[in-house]
Amino acid sequence: ILNVSYIIDPRVGGSVTLHTIRPIPRAAVLPTLENILRMSGAVLIPQEDGVYHVVPSNIAGKGNLTPRVGQLGQQLPGGYSIQVVPLKFIGAAEMIKILEPMLPDPAAARPDLLRNLLFLSGTEPELRHMMETIEMFDVDWLTGMSVGLFTLKNVDVKSVVADFEKLFGDKSASPFTGLFRIIPIERLNAILMVTPQPRYLDDASMWIERL
């Protein structure tokens, strides 16, 4: 239909039945085929010479692909590919935790902690979902925030942070969750507070003075 060449790995077998209620647009043929193959444990890998390889999904990334640097928001290639995504504002380990529940398989995303990169592998729709999620969370969380640094004179910073935790209760159930973040800086014996509401810094200053 598309007038492209393809090679099917002999380890790919089985049969599927596809019913459509209307003709499939040309642009939807490859994504549809990718979904069918994925459900059958195979993937479609485009090669530089224009030939598509159909291989078992468990060997897709082994010697068959060269990773590409993926930029958030850019168009992804059709077929199965590996994208290297540099992160700007969030750590690779933290981003993996966010992605885990929506990964097609555990090996679809791997972190490079040293360079703060993610290696993503999957079909075009799978990669698009992962990269859209990364784009949602890889943001400068200090934008629009007010920051206060409070140096303590007469008490240890750990004690004050513990008192704040008692004051505001369990983080998961507190109505203040997400309204401010308290970061102890032990080497300065100080508290760094980040909040989207500047007036909370005044309230925090008052409580720190009392404590």
Protein backbone atom coordinates (compact mmCIF):
# COMPACT_ATOMS: atom_id res chain seq x y z
CA ILE A 1 0.00 0.00 0.00
CA LEU A 2 2.79 2.43 0.92
CA ASN A 3 5.25 1.11 -1.70
CA VAL A 4 8.02 0.61 0.86
CA SER A 5 10.32 -2.38 1.31
CA TYR A 6 10.30 -4.47 4.47
CA ILE A 7 12.07 -7.44 6.04
CA ILE A 8 10.36 -9.66 8.60
CA ASP A 9 12.55 -11.37 11.18
CA PRO A 10 11.87 -15.16 11.13
CA ARG A 11 11.27 -15.01 14.89
CA VAL A 12 8.14 -12.91 14.29
CA GLY A 13 5.11 -15.12 13.79
CA GLY A 14 1.40 -15.48 14.44
CA SER A 15 -1.67 -13.93 12.86
CA VAL A 16 -4.04 -11.04 13.59
CA THR A 17 -7.43 -9.98 12.28
CA LEU A 18 -8.12 -6.29 11.68
CA HIS A 19 -11.61 -4.95 10.93
CA THR A 20 -12.17 -1.31 9.96
CA ILE A 21 -15.57 0.30 9.48
CA ARG A 22 -14.18 2.79 6.94
CA PRO A 23 -10.98 3.18 4.87
CA ILE A 24 -7.87 4.07 6.89
CA PRO A 25 -6.16 7.34 5.83
CA ARG A 26 -2.70 6.85 4.37
CA ALA A 27 -1.08 8.72 7.29
CA ALA A 28 -2.73 6.28 9.74
CA VAL A 29 -1.52 3.06 8.09
CA LEU A 30 1.89 2.87 9.79
CA PRO A 31 0.63 3.86 13.28
CA THR A 32 -2.15 1.27 12.97
CA LEU A 33 0.33 -1.39 11.89
CA GLU A 34 2.63 -0.40 14.78
CA ASN A 35 -0.17 -0.91 17.31
CA ILE A 36 -1.05 -4.31 15.83
CA LEU A 37 2.58 -5.44 15.88
CA ARG A 38 3.09 -4.13 19.42
CA MET A 39 0.16 -6.22 20.69
CA SER A 40 1.78 -9.25 19.03
CA GLY A 41 5.22 -8.65 20.58
CA ALA A 42 6.89 -7.11 17.52
CA VAL A 43 7.98 -3.63 16.43
CA LEU A 44 8.57 -1.80 13.16
CA ILE A 45 12.04 -0.25 12.80
CA PRO A 46 12.75 2.18 9.94
CA GLN A 47 16.26 2.00 8.46
CA GLU A 48 18.25 4.75 6.75
CA ASP A 49 17.98 2.96 3.40
CA GLY A 50 14.17 3.20 3.54
CA VAL A 51 13.65 -0.49 4.39
CA TYR A 52 11.51 -1.34 7.43
CA HIS A 53 12.56 -4.20 9.70
CA VAL A 54 9.90 -6.10 11.68
CA VAL A 55 11.61 -7.66 14.71
CA PRO A 56 10.58 -9.05 18.13
CA SER A 57 10.18 -6.20 20.62
CA ASN A 58 12.59 -7.81 23.13
CA ILE A 59 15.53 -7.41 20.72
CA ALA A 60 14.49 -4.12 19.12
CA GLY A 61 17.22 -1.98 20.66
CA LYS A 62 20.06 -4.49 20.38
CA GLY A 63 22.24 -3.41 17.46
CA ASN A 64 19.29 -2.28 15.36
CA LEU A 65 19.05 1.40 16.28
CA THR A 66 21.17 4.50 16.74
CA PRO A 67 19.78 6.78 19.48
CA ARG A 68 18.67 10.25 18.41
CA VAL A 69 18.65 13.38 20.53
CA GLY A 70 15.01 14.13 21.18
CA GLN A 71 13.87 17.68 21.83
CA LEU A 72 10.59 18.27 23.61
CA GLY A 73 7.93 19.45 21.18
CA GLN A 74 9.65 18.20 18.01
CA GLN A 75 8.08 15.75 15.54
CA LEU A 76 9.01 12.13 16.18
CA PRO A 77 9.94 9.63 13.46
CA GLY A 78 7.53 6.85 12.58
CA GLY A 79 8.30 3.34 13.76
CA TYR A 80 10.23 2.16 16.80
CA SER A 81 13.14 4.40 17.84
CA ILE A 82 15.36 5.39 20.75
CA GLN A 83 15.36 9.02 21.86
CA VAL A 84 17.90 10.65 24.19
CA VAL A 85 16.15 13.43 26.12
CA PRO A 86 18.24 15.97 28.11
CA LEU A 87 16.44 17.25 31.22
CA LYS A 88 16.75 20.87 32.33
CA PHE A 89 14.96 21.38 35.63
CA ILE A 90 14.16 17.93 37.04
CA GLY A 91 16.48 15.06 37.98
CA ALA A 92 16.48 11.93 35.81
CA ALA A 93 15.77 9.65 38.81
CA GLU A 94 12.75 11.75 39.81
CA MET A 95 11.41 11.83 36.24
CA ILE A 96 11.65 8.04 35.97
CA LYS A 97 9.43 7.71 39.06
CA ILE A 98 6.80 9.90 37.38
CA LEU A 99 6.98 7.94 34.09
CA GLU A 100 6.95 4.43 35.60
CA PRO A 101 3.14 3.97 35.85
CA MET A 102 2.64 4.82 32.16
CA LEU A 103 5.57 2.98 30.56
CA PRO A 104 4.69 0.27 27.99
CA ASP A 105 7.41 -1.87 29.63
CA PRO A 106 10.01 -1.23 32.39
CA ALA A 107 12.88 -0.97 29.87
CA ALA A 108 11.19 1.80 27.86
CA ALA A 109 12.87 4.55 29.93
CA ARG A 110 16.35 4.44 31.45
CA PRO A 111 18.10 7.29 33.30
CA ASP A 112 21.67 8.54 32.91
CA LEU A 113 22.16 10.14 36.32
CA LEU A 114 25.63 11.50 35.55
CA ARG A 115 24.50 13.60 32.57
CA ASN A 116 20.84 13.96 33.66
CA LEU A 117 19.49 12.30 30.52
CA LEU A 118 16.69 9.86 29.76
CA PHE A 119 16.92 7.10 27.16
CA LEU A 120 13.41 6.46 25.84
CA SER A 121 12.50 3.61 23.51
CA GLY A 122 9.18 2.79 21.89
CA THR A 123 6.85 3.38 18.98
CA GLU A 124 5.97 6.89 17.85
CA PRO A 125 2.73 7.06 19.92
CA GLU A 126 4.47 5.65 23.02
CA LEU A 127 7.37 8.09 22.73
CA ARG A 128 4.98 10.99 22.16
CA HIS A 129 3.08 10.21 25.38
CA MET A 130 6.32 9.90 27.36
CA MET A 131 7.78 13.13 25.98
CA GLU A 132 4.55 15.06 26.55
CA THR A 133 4.65 13.89 30.18
CA ILE A 134 8.30 14.97 30.51
CA GLU A 135 7.44 18.37 29.03
CA MET A 136 4.72 18.76 31.65
CA PHE A 137 7.07 18.13 34.59
CA ASP A 138 10.46 19.38 33.36
CA VAL A 139 9.74 23.00 34.27
CA ASP A 140 11.47 25.65 36.34
CA TRP A 141 9.50 25.24 39.56
CA LEU A 142 10.99 28.48 40.96
CA THR A 143 9.29 30.59 38.26
CA GLY A 144 6.67 32.77 39.96
CA MET A 145 7.84 31.68 43.40
CA SER A 146 8.89 33.83 46.35
CA VAL A 147 11.93 32.66 48.29
CA GLY A 148 12.94 33.47 51.88
CA LEU A 149 16.13 32.50 53.71
CA PHE A 150 15.86 32.60 57.51
CA THR A 151 19.07 32.23 59.53
CA LEU A 152 18.55 30.86 63.04
CA LYS A 153 20.44 32.25 66.03
CA ASN A 154 19.49 30.30 69.13
CA VAL A 155 18.17 26.94 67.98
CA ASP A 156 19.22 24.10 65.67
CA VAL A 157 17.57 24.07 62.22
CA LYS A 158 16.44 20.43 62.62
CA SER A 159 14.43 21.34 65.70
CA VAL A 160 12.60 24.19 63.97
CA VAL A 161 11.81 22.06 60.90
CA ALA A 162 10.45 19.34 63.20
CA ASP A 163 8.28 21.93 64.94
CA PHE A 164 6.96 23.15 61.59
CA GLU A 165 6.03 19.59 60.63
CA LYS A 166 4.09 19.18 63.90
CA LEU A 167 2.44 22.56 63.35
CA PHE A 168 1.14 21.72 59.88
CA GLY A 169 0.46 18.01 60.43
CA ASP A 170 0.69 15.16 57.94
CA LYS A 171 1.81 16.43 54.51
CA SER A 172 -0.60 14.15 52.65
CA ALA A 173 -3.63 15.40 54.59
CA SER A 174 -2.66 19.02 55.30
CA PRO A 175 -4.51 21.83 53.44
CA PHE A 176 -1.11 23.59 53.18
CA THR A 177 0.37 20.84 50.99
CA GLY A 178 1.89 22.42 47.87
CA LEU A 179 1.56 25.99 49.18
CA PHE A 180 5.12 26.15 50.44
CA ARG A 181 8.26 24.09 50.67
CA ILE A 182 10.63 24.12 53.65
CA ILE A 183 14.26 23.21 52.98
CA PRO A 184 16.72 22.98 55.92
CA ILE A 185 20.27 24.18 55.16
CA GLU A 186 22.31 22.71 58.00
CA ARG A 187 25.69 24.23 57.14
CA LEU A 188 24.15 27.72 57.49
CA ASN A 189 21.77 26.72 60.27
CA ALA A 190 19.06 28.31 58.15
CA ILE A 191 15.68 27.53 56.59
CA LEU A 192 14.95 28.16 52.93
CA MET A 193 11.24 28.61 52.22
CA VAL A 194 9.73 28.60 48.72
CA THR A 195 6.09 29.56 48.18
CA PRO A 196 3.83 30.96 45.42
CA GLN A 197 2.28 33.30 48.03
CA PRO A 198 4.67 36.07 49.21
CA ARG A 199 2.58 36.75 52.33
CA TYR A 200 3.37 33.26 53.62
CA LEU A 201 6.99 34.37 54.02
CA ASP A 202 5.85 37.01 56.52
CA ASP A 203 3.85 34.38 58.44
CA ALA A 204 6.83 32.01 58.37
CA SER A 205 9.12 34.77 59.67
CA MET A 206 6.77 35.35 62.60
CA TRP A 207 6.64 31.64 63.53
CA ILE A 208 10.41 31.21 63.16
CA GLU A 209 10.94 34.20 65.46
CA ARG A 210 8.65 32.63 68.07
CA LEU A 211 10.29 29.23 67.83
